[in-house]
Amino acid sequence: MLKAVIDFNRCLSSIKCQDKKCLAGKVCPTRALFKLDLEEPAVVEINRCNGCGDCLKECPVKAILIREL
């Protein structure tokens, strides 16, 4: 089953996303991608992720991968 996975180092290093909601999470149809804290990297709720890849196109720093889990 395909799922989104976050590269935490790349996500944290993004100036574009610091102190903001996850830009890629805004397009997630299942609301599986979000930030728990604005100063932390985004997380994926694996049980909700359907592996569609919509978030890949929206992430400005390419911190999201779709992998077989």
N, C-alpha and C. Protein backbone atom coordinates (compact mmCIF):
# COMPACT_ATOMS: atom_id res chain seq x y z
N MET A 1 0.83 -1.17 0.00
CA MET A 1 0.00 0.00 0.00
C MET A 1 0.88 1.24 0.00
N LEU A 2 0.57 2.18 -0.87
CA LEU A 2 1.35 3.41 -0.97
C LEU A 2 0.91 4.42 0.09
N LYS A 3 1.91 5.08 0.68
CA LYS A 3 1.66 6.09 1.71
C LYS A 3 2.66 7.23 1.57
N ALA A 4 2.26 8.41 2.02
CA ALA A 4 3.16 9.57 2.03
C ALA A 4 4.11 9.45 3.22
N VAL A 5 5.36 9.84 2.99
CA VAL A 5 6.38 9.84 4.03
C VAL A 5 7.08 11.20 3.99
N ILE A 6 7.32 11.78 5.17
CA ILE A 6 7.95 13.10 5.26
C ILE A 6 9.45 12.98 5.52
N ASP A 7 10.24 13.72 4.77
CA ASP A 7 11.66 13.88 5.05
C ASP A 7 11.75 15.03 6.04
N PHE A 8 11.85 14.70 7.34
CA PHE A 8 11.77 15.70 8.39
C PHE A 8 12.85 16.78 8.27
N ASN A 9 14.08 16.40 7.90
CA ASN A 9 15.16 17.39 7.77
C ASN A 9 14.85 18.41 6.69
N ARG A 10 14.37 17.94 5.57
CA ARG A 10 14.04 18.85 4.47
C ARG A 10 12.84 19.73 4.84
N CYS A 11 11.86 19.15 5.51
CA CYS A 11 10.67 19.90 5.92
C CYS A 11 11.04 20.98 6.93
N LEU A 12 11.87 20.66 7.89
CA LEU A 12 12.27 21.63 8.91
C LEU A 12 13.13 22.75 8.35
N SER A 13 13.89 22.47 7.32
CA SER A 13 14.80 23.46 6.77
C SER A 13 14.12 24.48 5.87
N SER A 14 12.84 24.28 5.62
CA SER A 14 12.13 25.15 4.69
C SER A 14 11.77 26.49 5.32
N ILE A 15 12.28 27.55 4.76
CA ILE A 15 11.90 28.90 5.21
C ILE A 15 10.47 29.19 4.77
N LYS A 16 10.05 28.60 3.66
CA LYS A 16 8.72 28.85 3.13
C LYS A 16 7.62 28.36 4.06
N CYS A 17 7.91 27.33 4.82
CA CYS A 17 6.86 26.71 5.63
C CYS A 17 7.00 26.96 7.13
N GLN A 18 8.09 27.55 7.57
CA GLN A 18 8.27 27.78 9.00
C GLN A 18 7.19 28.70 9.51
N ASP A 19 6.68 28.37 10.68
CA ASP A 19 5.63 29.16 11.34
C ASP A 19 4.35 29.27 10.51
N LYS A 20 4.12 28.31 9.64
CA LYS A 20 2.90 28.30 8.83
C LYS A 20 2.32 26.89 8.84
N LYS A 21 1.07 26.79 8.45
CA LYS A 21 0.48 25.47 8.26
C LYS A 21 1.16 24.81 7.08
N CYS A 22 1.11 23.50 7.04
CA CYS A 22 1.72 22.75 5.94
C CYS A 22 1.01 23.09 4.63
N LEU A 23 1.75 23.62 3.67
CA LEU A 23 1.16 23.99 2.39
C LEU A 23 0.63 22.78 1.64
N ALA A 24 1.35 21.67 1.70
CA ALA A 24 0.91 20.45 1.02
C ALA A 24 -0.30 19.85 1.71
N GLY A 25 -0.42 20.03 3.01
CA GLY A 25 -1.56 19.50 3.74
C GLY A 25 -2.88 20.11 3.33
N LYS A 26 -2.81 21.31 2.77
CA LYS A 26 -4.05 21.99 2.34
C LYS A 26 -4.73 21.26 1.19
N VAL A 27 -3.97 20.50 0.39
CA VAL A 27 -4.55 19.79 -0.74
C VAL A 27 -4.85 18.32 -0.46
N CYS A 28 -4.51 17.86 0.72
CA CYS A 28 -4.71 16.44 1.07
C CYS A 28 -6.21 16.15 1.19
N PRO A 29 -6.74 15.28 0.33
CA PRO A 29 -8.17 15.00 0.36
C PRO A 29 -8.64 14.26 1.61
N THR A 30 -7.72 13.58 2.28
CA THR A 30 -8.11 12.83 3.49
C THR A 30 -7.67 13.52 4.78
N ARG A 31 -7.03 14.69 4.63
CA ARG A 31 -6.54 15.45 5.79
C ARG A 31 -5.53 14.65 6.62
N ALA A 32 -4.72 13.85 5.92
CA ALA A 32 -3.74 13.00 6.60
C ALA A 32 -2.43 13.73 6.87
N LEU A 33 -2.20 14.84 6.22
CA LEU A 33 -0.94 15.57 6.32
C LEU A 33 -1.19 16.89 7.04
N PHE A 34 -0.45 17.11 8.13
CA PHE A 34 -0.67 18.32 8.92
C PHE A 34 0.51 18.56 9.84
N LYS A 35 0.52 19.72 10.49
CA LYS A 35 1.52 20.04 11.50
C LYS A 35 0.85 20.01 12.87
N LEU A 36 1.50 19.39 13.83
CA LEU A 36 1.00 19.40 15.20
C LEU A 36 1.36 20.72 15.87
N ASP A 37 2.50 21.27 15.47
CA ASP A 37 3.00 22.53 16.01
C ASP A 37 3.59 23.30 14.83
N LEU A 38 3.38 24.58 14.77
CA LEU A 38 3.84 25.36 13.63
C LEU A 38 5.35 25.38 13.46
N GLU A 39 6.10 25.12 14.53
CA GLU A 39 7.56 25.13 14.44
C GLU A 39 8.15 23.73 14.25
N GLU A 40 7.31 22.74 14.06
CA GLU A 40 7.75 21.36 13.86
C GLU A 40 7.47 20.93 12.42
N PRO A 41 8.10 19.83 11.98
CA PRO A 41 7.82 19.34 10.63
C PRO A 41 6.40 18.77 10.54
N ALA A 42 5.93 18.65 9.34
CA ALA A 42 4.62 18.05 9.11
C ALA A 42 4.67 16.55 9.44
N VAL A 43 3.52 15.99 9.71
CA VAL A 43 3.39 14.56 9.97
C VAL A 43 2.29 13.99 9.09
N VAL A 44 2.34 12.68 8.90
CA VAL A 44 1.33 11.98 8.11
C VAL A 44 0.62 10.99 9.03
N GLU A 45 -0.67 11.07 9.08
CA GLU A 45 -1.45 10.06 9.79
C GLU A 45 -1.66 8.91 8.80
N ILE A 46 -0.82 7.89 8.95
CA ILE A 46 -0.73 6.80 7.98
C ILE A 46 -2.09 6.13 7.72
N ASN A 47 -2.90 5.96 8.73
CA ASN A 47 -4.19 5.31 8.55
C ASN A 47 -5.15 6.11 7.67
N ARG A 48 -4.92 7.40 7.57
CA ARG A 48 -5.78 8.24 6.73
C ARG A 48 -5.23 8.42 5.31
N CYS A 49 -3.91 8.32 5.16
CA CYS A 49 -3.27 8.56 3.86
C CYS A 49 -3.69 7.49 2.85
N ASN A 50 -4.13 7.95 1.67
CA ASN A 50 -4.51 7.00 0.61
C ASN A 50 -3.44 6.88 -0.47
N GLY A 51 -2.31 7.59 -0.30
CA GLY A 51 -1.20 7.49 -1.24
C GLY A 51 -1.45 8.13 -2.59
N CYS A 52 -2.39 9.06 -2.67
CA CYS A 52 -2.76 9.67 -3.95
C CYS A 52 -1.65 10.52 -4.57
N GLY A 53 -0.79 11.14 -3.74
CA GLY A 53 0.32 11.94 -4.24
C GLY A 53 -0.01 13.40 -4.49
N ASP A 54 -1.22 13.84 -4.18
CA ASP A 54 -1.57 15.25 -4.37
C ASP A 54 -0.61 16.17 -3.61
N CYS A 55 -0.17 15.74 -2.44
CA CYS A 55 0.71 16.55 -1.60
C CYS A 55 2.09 16.74 -2.24
N LEU A 56 2.54 15.78 -3.03
CA LEU A 56 3.86 15.87 -3.67
C LEU A 56 3.98 17.13 -4.53
N LYS A 57 2.93 17.41 -5.27
CA LYS A 57 2.94 18.55 -6.19
C LYS A 57 2.93 19.88 -5.46
N GLU A 58 2.38 19.90 -4.26
CA GLU A 58 2.20 21.16 -3.54
C GLU A 58 3.36 21.50 -2.60
N CYS A 59 4.14 20.51 -2.17
CA CYS A 59 5.23 20.76 -1.22
C CYS A 59 6.34 21.57 -1.90
N PRO A 60 6.61 22.79 -1.42
CA PRO A 60 7.59 23.65 -2.08
C PRO A 60 9.04 23.19 -1.93
N VAL A 61 9.31 22.29 -0.99
CA VAL A 61 10.70 21.84 -0.79
C VAL A 61 10.88 20.35 -1.09
N LYS A 62 9.87 19.74 -1.67
CA LYS A 62 9.95 18.32 -2.06
C LYS A 62 10.30 17.43 -0.87
N ALA A 63 9.66 17.67 0.27
CA ALA A 63 9.95 16.92 1.49
C ALA A 63 9.05 15.69 1.64
N ILE A 64 8.21 15.42 0.64
CA ILE A 64 7.28 14.31 0.73
C ILE A 64 7.60 13.28 -0.34
N LEU A 65 7.60 12.03 0.05
CA LEU A 65 7.80 10.91 -0.86
C LEU A 65 6.59 9.99 -0.73
N ILE A 66 6.28 9.28 -1.78
CA ILE A 66 5.24 8.25 -1.71
C ILE A 66 5.99 6.91 -1.77
N ARG A 67 5.77 6.09 -0.75
CA ARG A 67 6.49 4.82 -0.66
C ARG A 67 5.52 3.69 -0.34
N GLU A 68 5.97 2.51 -0.67
CA GLU A 68 5.23 1.29 -0.32
C GLU A 68 5.50 0.98 1.14
N LEU A 69 4.47 0.87 1.94
CA LEU A 69 4.61 0.53 3.36
C LEU A 69 3.93 -0.75 3.68
